Amino acid sequence: MKARIYGGVIDELTPEDAGSVLIPDAPFPEQERIGRLIVRVYELRDEVNAVEDQAIAQLEAIISS
């Protein structure tokens, strides 16, 4: 596949090309750990978005008064 790459774009990916790509297969406990971390990141992102919304609302209230 490297021989066909001439930049950041691959116009065509053939089954043979895809077959040459190595995909890591982490042990299941590691996959679970990564999954829990991702869920936690989404929870924290939701919390941050809520705090940001509150801050924006407070700032808009101050500006409009």
PDB file of N, CA and C in Angstrom:
ATOM      1  N   MET A   1       0.822  -1.193   0.000  1.00  0.00           N
ATOM      2  CA  MET A   1       0.000   0.000   0.000  1.00  0.00           C
ATOM      3  C   MET A   1       0.866   1.256   0.000  1.00  0.00           C
ATOM      4  N   LYS A   2       2.028   1.231   0.625  1.00  0.00           N
ATOM      5  CA  LYS A   2       2.875   2.414   0.678  1.00  0.00           C
ATOM      6  C   LYS A   2       3.279   2.892  -0.719  1.00  0.00           C
ATOM      7  N   ALA A   3       3.423   1.980  -1.649  1.00  0.00           N
ATOM      8  CA  ALA A   3       3.847   2.356  -2.987  1.00  0.00           C
ATOM      9  C   ALA A   3       2.806   3.210  -3.702  1.00  0.00           C
ATOM     10  N   ARG A   4       1.551   3.164  -3.269  1.00  0.00           N
ATOM     11  CA  ARG A   4       0.493   3.915  -3.939  1.00  0.00           C
ATOM     12  C   ARG A   4       0.177   5.239  -3.252  1.00  0.00           C
ATOM     13  N   ILE A   5       0.821   5.522  -2.164  1.00  0.00           N
ATOM     14  CA  ILE A   5       0.533   6.759  -1.440  1.00  0.00           C
ATOM     15  C   ILE A   5       1.436   7.869  -1.968  1.00  0.00           C
ATOM     16  N   TYR A   6       0.801   8.927  -2.477  1.00  0.00           N
ATOM     17  CA  TYR A   6       1.544  10.058  -3.010  1.00  0.00           C
ATOM     18  C   TYR A   6       1.195  11.343  -2.288  1.00  0.00           C
ATOM     19  N   GLY A   7       0.661  11.251  -1.113  1.00  0.00           N
ATOM     20  CA  GLY A   7       0.235  12.415  -0.349  1.00  0.00           C
ATOM     21  C   GLY A   7      -0.744  11.962   0.710  1.00  0.00           C
ATOM     22  N   GLY A   8      -1.659  12.845   1.093  1.00  0.00           N
ATOM     23  CA  GLY A   8      -2.604  12.547   2.166  1.00  0.00           C
ATOM     24  C   GLY A   8      -3.880  11.892   1.709  1.00  0.00           C
ATOM     25  N   VAL A   9      -4.053  11.695   0.408  1.00  0.00           N
ATOM     26  CA  VAL A   9      -5.316  11.168  -0.102  1.00  0.00           C
ATOM     27  C   VAL A   9      -5.052   9.872  -0.858  1.00  0.00           C
ATOM     28  N   ILE A  10      -5.857   8.876  -0.570  1.00  0.00           N
ATOM     29  CA  ILE A  10      -5.800   7.627  -1.328  1.00  0.00           C
ATOM     30  C   ILE A  10      -7.081   7.558  -2.141  1.00  0.00           C
ATOM     31  N   ASP A  11      -6.956   7.593  -3.469  1.00  0.00           N
ATOM     32  CA  ASP A  11      -8.134   7.595  -4.329  1.00  0.00           C
ATOM     33  C   ASP A  11      -8.885   6.280  -4.287  1.00  0.00           C
ATOM     34  N   GLU A  12      -8.156   5.207  -4.104  1.00  0.00           N
ATOM     35  CA  GLU A  12      -8.792   3.904  -4.148  1.00  0.00           C
ATOM     36  C   GLU A  12      -8.115   2.990  -3.133  1.00  0.00           C
ATOM     37  N   LEU A  13      -8.923   2.289  -2.375  1.00  0.00           N
ATOM     38  CA  LEU A  13      -8.407   1.321  -1.412  1.00  0.00           C
ATOM     39  C   LEU A  13      -8.975  -0.034  -1.800  1.00  0.00           C
ATOM     40  N   THR A  14      -8.124  -0.880  -2.289  1.00  0.00           N
ATOM     41  CA  THR A  14      -8.564  -2.194  -2.751  1.00  0.00           C
ATOM     42  C   THR A  14      -8.590  -3.177  -1.583  1.00  0.00           C
ATOM     43  N   PRO A  15      -9.306  -4.281  -1.717  1.00  0.00           N
ATOM     44  CA  PRO A  15      -9.289  -5.302  -0.662  1.00  0.00           C
ATOM     45  C   PRO A  15      -7.867  -5.782  -0.347  1.00  0.00           C
ATOM     46  N   GLU A  16      -7.027  -5.847  -1.366  1.00  0.00           N
ATOM     47  CA  GLU A  16      -5.648  -6.256  -1.136  1.00  0.00           C
ATOM     48  C   GLU A  16      -4.912  -5.231  -0.285  1.00  0.00           C
ATOM     49  N   ASP A  17      -5.138  -3.940  -0.575  1.00  0.00           N
ATOM     50  CA  ASP A  17      -4.526  -2.880   0.230  1.00  0.00           C
ATOM     51  C   ASP A  17      -5.006  -2.959   1.674  1.00  0.00           C
ATOM     52  N   ALA A  18      -6.304  -3.111   1.842  1.00  0.00           N
ATOM     53  CA  ALA A  18      -6.872  -3.171   3.190  1.00  0.00           C
ATOM     54  C   ALA A  18      -6.328  -4.369   3.949  1.00  0.00           C
ATOM     55  N   GLY A  19      -6.083  -5.457   3.251  1.00  0.00           N
ATOM     56  CA  GLY A  19      -5.551  -6.647   3.895  1.00  0.00           C
ATOM     57  C   GLY A  19      -4.139  -6.478   4.420  1.00  0.00           C
ATOM     58  N   SER A  20      -3.425  -5.483   3.910  1.00  0.00           N
ATOM     59  CA  SER A  20      -2.052  -5.259   4.361  1.00  0.00           C
ATOM     60  C   SER A  20      -1.974  -4.322   5.563  1.00  0.00           C
ATOM     61  N   VAL A  21      -3.100  -3.764   5.984  1.00  0.00           N
ATOM     62  CA  VAL A  21      -3.112  -2.837   7.116  1.00  0.00           C
ATOM     63  C   VAL A  21      -3.203  -3.637   8.413  1.00  0.00           C
ATOM     64  N   LEU A  22      -2.251  -3.393   9.301  1.00  0.00           N
ATOM     65  CA  LEU A  22      -2.256  -4.076  10.593  1.00  0.00           C
ATOM     66  C   LEU A  22      -3.186  -3.347  11.557  1.00  0.00           C
ATOM     67  N   ILE A  23      -4.082  -4.084  12.181  1.00  0.00           N
ATOM     68  CA  ILE A  23      -5.018  -3.518  13.146  1.00  0.00           C
ATOM     69  C   ILE A  23      -4.740  -4.157  14.497  1.00  0.00           C
ATOM     70  N   PRO A  24      -4.372  -3.356  15.508  1.00  0.00           N
ATOM     71  CA  PRO A  24      -4.061  -3.944  16.813  1.00  0.00           C
ATOM     72  C   PRO A  24      -5.306  -4.564  17.448  1.00  0.00           C
ATOM     73  N   ASP A  25      -5.086  -5.642  18.156  1.00  0.00           N
ATOM     74  CA  ASP A  25      -6.168  -6.329  18.849  1.00  0.00           C
ATOM     75  C   ASP A  25      -5.780  -6.422  20.320  1.00  0.00           C
ATOM     76  N   ALA A  26      -6.192  -5.427  21.086  1.00  0.00           N
ATOM     77  CA  ALA A  26      -5.859  -5.387  22.512  1.00  0.00           C
ATOM     78  C   ALA A  26      -6.620  -6.475  23.252  1.00  0.00           C
ATOM     79  N   PRO A  27      -6.046  -6.976  24.337  1.00  0.00           N
ATOM     80  CA  PRO A  27      -6.773  -7.946  25.151  1.00  0.00           C
ATOM     81  C   PRO A  27      -8.090  -7.351  25.642  1.00  0.00           C
ATOM     82  N   PHE A  28      -9.085  -8.217  25.847  1.00  0.00           N
ATOM     83  CA  PHE A  28     -10.415  -7.741  26.215  1.00  0.00           C
ATOM     84  C   PHE A  28     -10.424  -6.865  27.469  1.00  0.00           C
ATOM     85  N   PRO A  29      -9.686  -7.204  28.531  1.00  0.00           N
ATOM     86  CA  PRO A  29      -9.683  -6.299  29.702  1.00  0.00           C
ATOM     87  C   PRO A  29      -9.198  -4.886  29.359  1.00  0.00           C
ATOM     88  N   GLU A  30      -8.229  -4.794  28.448  1.00  0.00           N
ATOM     89  CA  GLU A  30      -7.740  -3.477  28.025  1.00  0.00           C
ATOM     90  C   GLU A  30      -8.801  -2.752  27.211  1.00  0.00           C
ATOM     91  N   GLN A  31      -9.527  -3.475  26.361  1.00  0.00           N
ATOM     92  CA  GLN A  31     -10.621  -2.873  25.606  1.00  0.00           C
ATOM     93  C   GLN A  31     -11.690  -2.329  26.553  1.00  0.00           C
ATOM     94  N   GLU A  32     -12.010  -3.100  27.596  1.00  0.00           N
ATOM     95  CA  GLU A  32     -12.997  -2.636  28.581  1.00  0.00           C
ATOM     96  C   GLU A  32     -12.516  -1.383  29.300  1.00  0.00           C
ATOM     97  N   ARG A  33     -11.226  -1.369  29.673  1.00  0.00           N
ATOM     98  CA  ARG A  33     -10.661  -0.201  30.364  1.00  0.00           C
ATOM     99  C   ARG A  33     -10.749   1.031  29.466  1.00  0.00           C
ATOM    100  N   ILE A  34     -10.382   0.874  28.215  1.00  0.00           N
ATOM    101  CA  ILE A  34     -10.454   1.986  27.261  1.00  0.00           C
ATOM    102  C   ILE A  34     -11.904   2.435  27.101  1.00  0.00           C
ATOM    103  N   GLY A  35     -12.823   1.492  27.016  1.00  0.00           N
ATOM    104  CA  GLY A  35     -14.239   1.835  26.895  1.00  0.00           C
ATOM    105  C   GLY A  35     -14.741   2.634  28.084  1.00  0.00           C
ATOM    106  N   ARG A  36     -14.339   2.235  29.291  1.00  0.00           N
ATOM    107  CA  ARG A  36     -14.751   2.984  30.491  1.00  0.00           C
ATOM    108  C   ARG A  36     -14.190   4.398  30.470  1.00  0.00           C
ATOM    109  N   LEU A  37     -12.944   4.528  30.015  1.00  0.00           N
ATOM    110  CA  LEU A  37     -12.341   5.865  29.918  1.00  0.00           C
ATOM    111  C   LEU A  37     -13.098   6.736  28.921  1.00  0.00           C
ATOM    112  N   ILE A  38     -13.495   6.164  27.818  1.00  0.00           N
ATOM    113  CA  ILE A  38     -14.232   6.928  26.811  1.00  0.00           C
ATOM    114  C   ILE A  38     -15.585   7.374  27.358  1.00  0.00           C
ATOM    115  N   VAL A  39     -16.267   6.480  28.065  1.00  0.00           N
ATOM    116  CA  VAL A  39     -17.547   6.853  28.667  1.00  0.00           C
ATOM    117  C   VAL A  39     -17.343   7.992  29.658  1.00  0.00           C
ATOM    118  N   ARG A  40     -16.277   7.917  30.463  1.00  0.00           N
ATOM    119  CA  ARG A  40     -16.002   8.980  31.447  1.00  0.00           C
ATOM    120  C   ARG A  40     -15.709  10.304  30.744  1.00  0.00           C
ATOM    121  N   VAL A  41     -14.977  10.244  29.654  1.00  0.00           N
ATOM    122  CA  VAL A  41     -14.676  11.466  28.900  1.00  0.00           C
ATOM    123  C   VAL A  41     -15.967  12.115  28.402  1.00  0.00           C
ATOM    124  N   TYR A  42     -16.893  11.311  27.894  1.00  0.00           N
ATOM    125  CA  TYR A  42     -18.171  11.859  27.431  1.00  0.00           C
ATOM    126  C   TYR A  42     -18.963  12.454  28.589  1.00  0.00           C
ATOM    127  N   GLU A  43     -18.926  11.808  29.761  1.00  0.00           N
ATOM    128  CA  GLU A  43     -19.614  12.360  30.930  1.00  0.00           C
ATOM    129  C   GLU A  43     -19.021  13.704  31.315  1.00  0.00           C
ATOM    130  N   LEU A  44     -17.693  13.788  31.344  1.00  0.00           N
ATOM    131  CA  LEU A  44     -17.028  15.050  31.686  1.00  0.00           C
ATOM    132  C   LEU A  44     -17.317  16.130  30.649  1.00  0.00           C
ATOM    133  N   ARG A  45     -17.363  15.735  29.381  1.00  0.00           N
ATOM    134  CA  ARG A  45     -17.676  16.707  28.333  1.00  0.00           C
ATOM    135  C   ARG A  45     -19.075  17.270  28.529  1.00  0.00           C
ATOM    136  N   ASP A  46     -20.031  16.402  28.884  1.00  0.00           N
ATOM    137  CA  ASP A  46     -21.393  16.869  29.142  1.00  0.00           C
ATOM    138  C   ASP A  46     -21.423  17.843  30.304  1.00  0.00           C
ATOM    139  N   GLU A  47     -20.644  17.542  31.370  1.00  0.00           N
ATOM    140  CA  GLU A  47     -20.581  18.453  32.520  1.00  0.00           C
ATOM    141  C   GLU A  47     -19.995  19.803  32.109  1.00  0.00           C
ATOM    142  N   VAL A  48     -18.935  19.774  31.334  1.00  0.00           N
ATOM    143  CA  VAL A  48     -18.289  21.012  30.891  1.00  0.00           C
ATOM    144  C   VAL A  48     -19.250  21.825  30.025  1.00  0.00           C
ATOM    145  N   ASN A  49     -19.967  21.164  29.137  1.00  0.00           N
ATOM    146  CA  ASN A  49     -20.922  21.881  28.286  1.00  0.00           C
ATOM    147  C   ASN A  49     -22.017  22.535  29.118  1.00  0.00           C
ATOM    148  N   ALA A  50     -22.479  21.856  30.173  1.00  0.00           N
ATOM    149  CA  ALA A  50     -23.506  22.433  31.039  1.00  0.00           C
ATOM    150  C   ALA A  50     -22.973  23.659  31.767  1.00  0.00           C
ATOM    151  N   VAL A  51     -21.751  23.580  32.274  1.00  0.00           N
ATOM    152  CA  VAL A  51     -21.144  24.727  32.960  1.00  0.00           C
ATOM    153  C   VAL A  51     -20.949  25.875  31.981  1.00  0.00           C
ATOM    154  N   GLU A  52     -20.522  25.574  30.780  1.00  0.00           N
ATOM    155  CA  GLU A  52     -20.341  26.616  29.769  1.00  0.00           C
ATOM    156  C   GLU A  52     -21.673  27.289  29.442  1.00  0.00           C
ATOM    157  N   ASP A  53     -22.737  26.502  29.297  1.00  0.00           N
ATOM    158  CA  ASP A  53     -24.061  27.072  29.026  1.00  0.00           C
ATOM    159  C   ASP A  53     -24.501  27.999  30.149  1.00  0.00           C
ATOM    160  N   GLN A  54     -24.238  27.590  31.388  1.00  0.00           N
ATOM    161  CA  GLN A  54     -24.591  28.440  32.533  1.00  0.00           C
ATOM    162  C   GLN A  54     -23.792  29.735  32.515  1.00  0.00           C
ATOM    163  N   ALA A  55     -22.513  29.633  32.223  1.00  0.00           N
ATOM    164  CA  ALA A  55     -21.666  30.825  32.182  1.00  0.00           C
ATOM    165  C   ALA A  55     -22.123  31.782  31.089  1.00  0.00           C
ATOM    166  N   ILE A  56     -22.466  31.251  29.946  1.00  0.00           N
ATOM    167  CA  ILE A  56     -22.946  32.097  28.848  1.00  0.00           C
ATOM    168  C   ILE A  56     -24.254  32.774  29.237  1.00  0.00           C
ATOM    169  N   ALA A  57     -25.153  32.030  29.850  1.00  0.00           N
ATOM    170  CA  ALA A  57     -26.436  32.606  30.278  1.00  0.00           C
ATOM    171  C   ALA A  57     -26.213  33.721  31.292  1.00  0.00           C
ATOM    172  N   GLN A  58     -25.303  33.502  32.239  1.00  0.00           N
ATOM    173  CA  GLN A  58     -25.012  34.538  33.233  1.00  0.00           C
ATOM    174  C   GLN A  58     -24.405  35.769  32.585  1.00  0.00           C
ATOM    175  N   LEU A  59     -23.496  35.570  31.674  1.00  0.00           N
ATOM    176  CA  LEU A  59     -22.871  36.702  30.983  1.00  0.00           C
ATOM    177  C   LEU A  59     -23.893  37.471  30.148  1.00  0.00           C
ATOM    178  N   GLU A  60     -24.757  36.759  29.460  1.00  0.00           N
ATOM    179  CA  GLU A  60     -25.792  37.430  28.670  1.00  0.00           C
ATOM    180  C   GLU A  60     -26.752  38.210  29.553  1.00  0.00           C
ATOM    181  N   ALA A  61     -27.059  37.670  30.728  1.00  0.00           N
ATOM    182  CA  ALA A  61     -27.929  38.387  31.666  1.00  0.00           C
ATOM    183  C   ALA A  61     -27.278  39.672  32.145  1.00  0.00           C
ATOM    184  N   ILE A  62     -25.971  39.615  32.425  1.00  0.00           N
ATOM    185  CA  ILE A  62     -25.263  40.803  32.861  1.00  0.00           C
ATOM    186  C   ILE A  62     -25.218  41.839  31.741  1.00  0.00           C
ATOM    187  N   ILE A  63     -24.954  41.396  30.527  1.00  0.00           N
ATOM    188  CA  ILE A  63     -24.865  42.317  29.398  1.00  0.00           C
ATOM    189  C   ILE A  63     -26.202  42.982  29.105  1.00  0.00           C
ATOM    190  N   SER A  64     -27.279  42.246  29.219  1.00  0.00           N
ATOM    191  CA  SER A  64     -28.584  42.793  28.856  1.00  0.00           C
ATOM    192  C   SER A  64     -29.221  43.630  29.966  1.00  0.00           C
ATOM    193  N   SER A  65     -28.609  43.653  31.160  1.00  0.00           N
ATOM    194  CA  SER A  65     -29.211  44.470  32.241  1.00  0.00           C
ATOM    195  C   SER A  65     -28.591  45.824  32.360  1.00  0.00           C
TER     196      SER A  65
END
